[in-house]
């Protein structure tokens, strides 16, 4: 069972075998930066969900948060797929190995796959919406005032974020640099434009005009 006993504004990490094993897997597979970020994503997503009165499954939200950046890891650099899909597939395999029903598996897969696609997850199931809400809160500071300073301080006391802005940007760049084509049309193209000399982002208009269709 999990030994996470902390509660913040009525929210806590699920005290279950599934959550404990997800924690262990992600902690072993990622750098400390990603581990702490992923935990904060859960806390911030769950706290925002509580504020909004959303009825979410804490275990599914936790696994979605913990696995959402797993695809940035070195073993996925040669996959040729978006890192979000790599992480989503790992979460799907993990959940299926624990006998989680397919509807729950689908929610977590979707939450991870769409967490860098703004404007869509917020209209989907709560677990999908709240993984993105947690990411946007921790990385972008969106709707920063939605949570209290006391809540923010409690989360960052558990999972500090020293130098986080620059460090996470470098982690993003390193995670997708070997497969720049996967950044076409998504936010990671902005990262490579800043961090990879010579990178030229794909252009949707140019792609249409250069297609094999005569007109």
Protein backbone atom coordinates (compact mmCIF):
# COMPACT_ATOMS: atom_id res chain seq x y z
CA UNK A 1 0.00 0.00 0.00
CA UNK A 2 1.02 3.62 -0.44
CA UNK A 3 2.56 5.44 2.51
CA UNK A 4 1.36 8.85 1.26
CA UNK A 5 -0.61 10.22 4.20
CA UNK A 6 -0.57 13.93 3.38
CA UNK A 7 -3.90 15.64 2.77
CA UNK A 8 -4.27 19.10 1.25
CA UNK A 9 -7.72 20.72 1.21
CA UNK A 10 -9.39 17.32 1.32
CA UNK A 11 -7.19 15.83 -1.43
CA UNK A 12 -4.62 13.05 -1.00
CA UNK A 13 -2.72 10.53 -3.07
CA UNK A 14 -4.74 7.28 -3.38
CA UNK A 15 -3.64 4.80 -0.73
CA UNK A 16 -3.80 1.77 -3.02
CA UNK A 17 -1.50 -0.88 -4.44
CA UNK A 18 -2.06 0.47 -7.94
CA UNK A 19 -0.98 3.98 -6.97
CA UNK A 20 2.01 2.71 -4.99
CA UNK A 21 3.26 0.63 -7.92
CA UNK A 22 2.73 3.52 -10.34
CA UNK A 23 4.81 5.71 -8.03
CA UNK A 24 7.59 3.14 -7.83
CA UNK A 25 7.67 2.58 -11.59
CA UNK A 26 7.82 6.27 -12.47
CA UNK A 27 10.32 7.10 -9.76
CA UNK A 28 12.64 4.36 -11.03
CA UNK A 29 12.19 5.26 -14.72
CA UNK A 30 12.54 9.05 -14.63
CA UNK A 31 14.77 11.81 -13.37
CA UNK A 32 13.87 13.54 -10.11
CA UNK A 33 12.68 16.55 -12.14
CA UNK A 34 9.98 14.54 -13.93
CA UNK A 35 9.00 12.61 -10.84
CA UNK A 36 8.32 15.72 -8.77
CA UNK A 37 6.62 17.47 -11.70
CA UNK A 38 4.33 14.48 -12.23
CA UNK A 39 3.38 14.39 -8.57
CA UNK A 40 2.60 18.11 -8.63
CA UNK A 41 0.46 17.57 -11.73
CA UNK A 42 -1.64 15.12 -9.74
CA UNK A 43 -1.97 17.44 -6.76
CA UNK A 44 -2.79 20.50 -8.82
CA UNK A 45 -5.20 18.59 -11.08
CA UNK A 46 -6.96 16.99 -8.12
CA UNK A 47 -7.20 20.28 -6.22
CA UNK A 48 -8.61 22.04 -9.27
CA UNK A 49 -11.08 19.20 -9.73
CA UNK A 50 -12.22 19.53 -6.12
CA UNK A 51 -12.66 23.28 -6.55
CA UNK A 52 -14.80 22.66 -9.62
CA UNK A 53 -16.87 19.92 -8.02
CA UNK A 54 -15.80 17.30 -10.58
CA UNK A 55 -16.41 13.64 -9.87
CA UNK A 56 -13.14 12.00 -10.89
CA UNK A 57 -11.49 8.67 -10.12
CA UNK A 58 -8.39 9.51 -8.01
CA UNK A 59 -6.50 6.37 -9.08
CA UNK A 60 -7.01 7.06 -12.79
CA UNK A 61 -6.06 10.70 -12.38
CA UNK A 62 -2.98 9.68 -10.42
CA UNK A 63 -1.77 7.20 -13.04
CA UNK A 64 -2.44 9.71 -15.81
CA UNK A 65 -0.44 12.37 -14.00
CA UNK A 66 2.43 10.05 -13.11
CA UNK A 67 2.83 8.62 -16.62
CA UNK A 68 2.16 11.79 -18.62
CA UNK A 69 5.83 12.64 -19.27
CA UNK A 70 7.23 9.11 -19.18
CA UNK A 71 7.58 9.19 -22.97
CA UNK A 72 10.31 11.84 -22.71
CA UNK A 73 12.70 9.15 -21.45
CA UNK A 74 15.74 8.05 -23.43
CA UNK A 75 14.36 4.62 -24.28
CA UNK A 76 11.61 6.29 -26.31
CA UNK A 77 13.84 8.67 -28.26
CA UNK A 78 13.92 6.35 -31.26
CA UNK A 79 10.24 5.46 -31.29
CA UNK A 80 9.32 7.83 -34.10
CA UNK A 81 6.09 8.63 -32.26
CA UNK A 82 4.94 11.60 -30.22
CA UNK A 83 6.20 11.28 -26.66
CA UNK A 84 2.63 11.65 -25.43
CA UNK A 85 1.64 8.45 -27.26
CA UNK A 86 4.65 6.58 -25.88
CA UNK A 87 3.66 7.53 -22.33
CA UNK A 88 0.01 6.73 -22.96
CA UNK A 89 0.89 3.27 -24.25
CA UNK A 90 3.04 2.57 -21.20
CA UNK A 91 0.19 3.59 -18.92
CA UNK A 92 -2.23 1.40 -20.86
CA UNK A 93 0.02 -1.63 -20.47
CA UNK A 94 0.47 -0.91 -16.76
CA UNK A 95 -3.26 -0.56 -16.13
CA UNK A 96 -4.17 -3.66 -18.11
CA UNK A 97 -1.60 -5.67 -16.16
CA UNK A 98 -3.50 -4.65 -13.03
CA UNK A 99 -6.90 -5.63 -14.40
CA UNK A 100 -8.28 -2.10 -14.69
CA UNK A 101 -11.48 -2.02 -16.80
CA UNK A 102 -11.08 -0.83 -20.37
CA UNK A 103 -13.09 2.35 -19.86
CA UNK A 104 -10.60 3.43 -17.22
CA UNK A 105 -7.68 2.45 -19.42
CA UNK A 106 -9.13 4.50 -22.27
CA UNK A 107 -9.55 7.56 -20.05
CA UNK A 108 -5.95 7.46 -18.87
CA UNK A 109 -4.60 6.83 -22.38
CA UNK A 110 -6.58 9.79 -23.69
CA UNK A 111 -5.57 12.03 -20.79
CA UNK A 112 -1.88 11.46 -21.48
CA UNK A 113 -2.12 11.56 -25.27
CA UNK A 114 -3.96 14.91 -25.21
CA UNK A 115 -2.20 16.69 -22.37
CA UNK A 116 -0.33 19.00 -24.77
CA UNK A 117 -3.40 19.68 -26.94
CA UNK A 118 -5.05 22.73 -25.38
CA UNK A 119 -8.72 23.49 -25.88
CA UNK A 120 -9.90 19.86 -26.12
CA UNK A 121 -9.35 17.93 -22.83
CA UNK A 122 -11.40 20.38 -20.76
CA UNK A 123 -14.55 19.16 -22.55
CA UNK A 124 -13.86 15.48 -21.93
CA UNK A 125 -14.10 13.13 -18.93
CA UNK A 126 -12.86 14.60 -15.62
CA UNK A 127 -9.68 12.50 -15.54
CA UNK A 128 -8.77 13.69 -19.04
CA UNK A 129 -9.55 17.30 -18.22
CA UNK A 130 -7.68 17.28 -14.92
CA UNK A 131 -4.40 15.81 -16.14
CA UNK A 132 -4.20 18.72 -18.56
CA UNK A 133 -5.38 21.14 -15.85
CA UNK A 134 -2.57 19.95 -13.60
CA UNK A 135 0.02 20.24 -16.36
CA UNK A 136 -1.15 23.71 -17.34
CA UNK A 137 -1.05 24.84 -13.71
CA UNK A 138 2.45 23.53 -13.01
CA UNK A 139 4.11 24.36 -16.33
CA UNK A 140 2.24 27.43 -17.58
CA UNK A 141 0.76 28.85 -14.40
CA UNK A 142 -2.67 29.10 -16.02
CA UNK A 143 -5.44 30.24 -13.66
CA UNK A 144 -2.81 30.55 -10.95
CA UNK A 145 -5.21 32.20 -8.52
CA UNK A 146 -7.67 29.29 -8.69
CA UNK A 147 -5.74 27.64 -5.86
CA UNK A 148 -4.75 29.42 -2.68
CA UNK A 149 -1.19 30.35 -1.82
CA UNK A 150 -1.44 27.91 1.08
CA UNK A 151 -2.37 25.07 -1.28
CA UNK A 152 0.43 25.92 -3.69
CA UNK A 153 2.94 26.13 -0.86
CA UNK A 154 1.81 22.80 0.58
CA UNK A 155 2.26 21.04 -2.77
CA UNK A 156 5.65 22.58 -3.51
CA UNK A 157 6.84 21.77 0.02
CA UNK A 158 6.21 18.12 -0.81
CA UNK A 159 7.61 18.39 -4.32
CA UNK A 160 9.91 21.40 -4.73
CA UNK A 161 10.52 23.05 -8.11
CA UNK A 162 13.96 24.72 -7.98
CA UNK A 163 14.87 26.17 -11.38
CA UNK A 164 11.89 24.34 -12.82
CA UNK A 165 11.13 26.58 -15.79
CA UNK A 166 14.51 26.18 -17.46
CA UNK A 167 14.99 22.59 -16.37
CA UNK A 168 11.67 21.36 -17.75
CA UNK A 169 12.24 23.15 -21.04
CA UNK A 170 15.58 21.36 -21.40
CA UNK A 171 13.91 18.06 -20.57
CA UNK A 172 11.26 18.70 -23.22
CA UNK A 173 13.94 19.54 -25.79
CA UNK A 174 16.01 16.45 -24.99
CA UNK A 175 12.91 14.27 -25.07
CA UNK A 176 11.89 15.19 -28.62
CA UNK A 177 15.17 16.27 -30.27
CA UNK A 178 15.72 12.84 -31.86
CA UNK A 179 12.28 12.88 -33.47
CA UNK A 180 11.60 16.49 -34.44
CA UNK A 181 9.02 15.46 -37.03
CA UNK A 182 6.68 14.51 -34.16
CA UNK A 183 6.44 18.16 -33.10
CA UNK A 184 4.54 19.19 -36.25
CA UNK A 185 1.49 21.16 -35.18
CA UNK A 186 2.07 20.92 -31.44
CA UNK A 187 3.66 22.94 -28.67
CA UNK A 188 6.95 21.04 -28.63
CA UNK A 189 7.87 22.73 -31.93
CA UNK A 190 8.20 25.94 -29.90
CA UNK A 191 10.65 24.18 -27.58
CA UNK A 192 12.89 22.96 -30.41
CA UNK A 193 12.77 26.38 -32.07
CA UNK A 194 14.43 27.78 -28.93
CA UNK A 195 16.71 24.89 -27.98
CA UNK A 196 17.79 23.13 -31.18
CA UNK A 197 19.91 25.20 -33.58
CA UNK A 198 18.83 24.78 -37.19
CA UNK A 199 15.41 23.37 -36.37
CA UNK A 200 12.77 24.39 -38.88
CA UNK A 201 9.23 23.76 -37.78
CA UNK A 202 6.70 22.23 -40.14
CA UNK A 203 4.28 24.65 -41.71
CA UNK A 204 0.65 23.60 -42.19
CA UNK A 205 0.06 26.00 -45.07
CA UNK A 206 3.23 24.94 -46.88
CA UNK A 207 2.31 21.30 -46.38
CA UNK A 208 -1.06 21.84 -48.05
CA UNK A 209 0.38 23.82 -50.95
CA UNK A 210 3.14 21.24 -51.53
CA UNK A 211 0.79 18.25 -51.48
CA UNK A 212 0.57 16.07 -54.63
CA UNK A 213 -2.91 17.34 -55.40
CA UNK A 214 -2.91 19.55 -58.55
CA UNK A 215 -5.07 22.21 -56.90
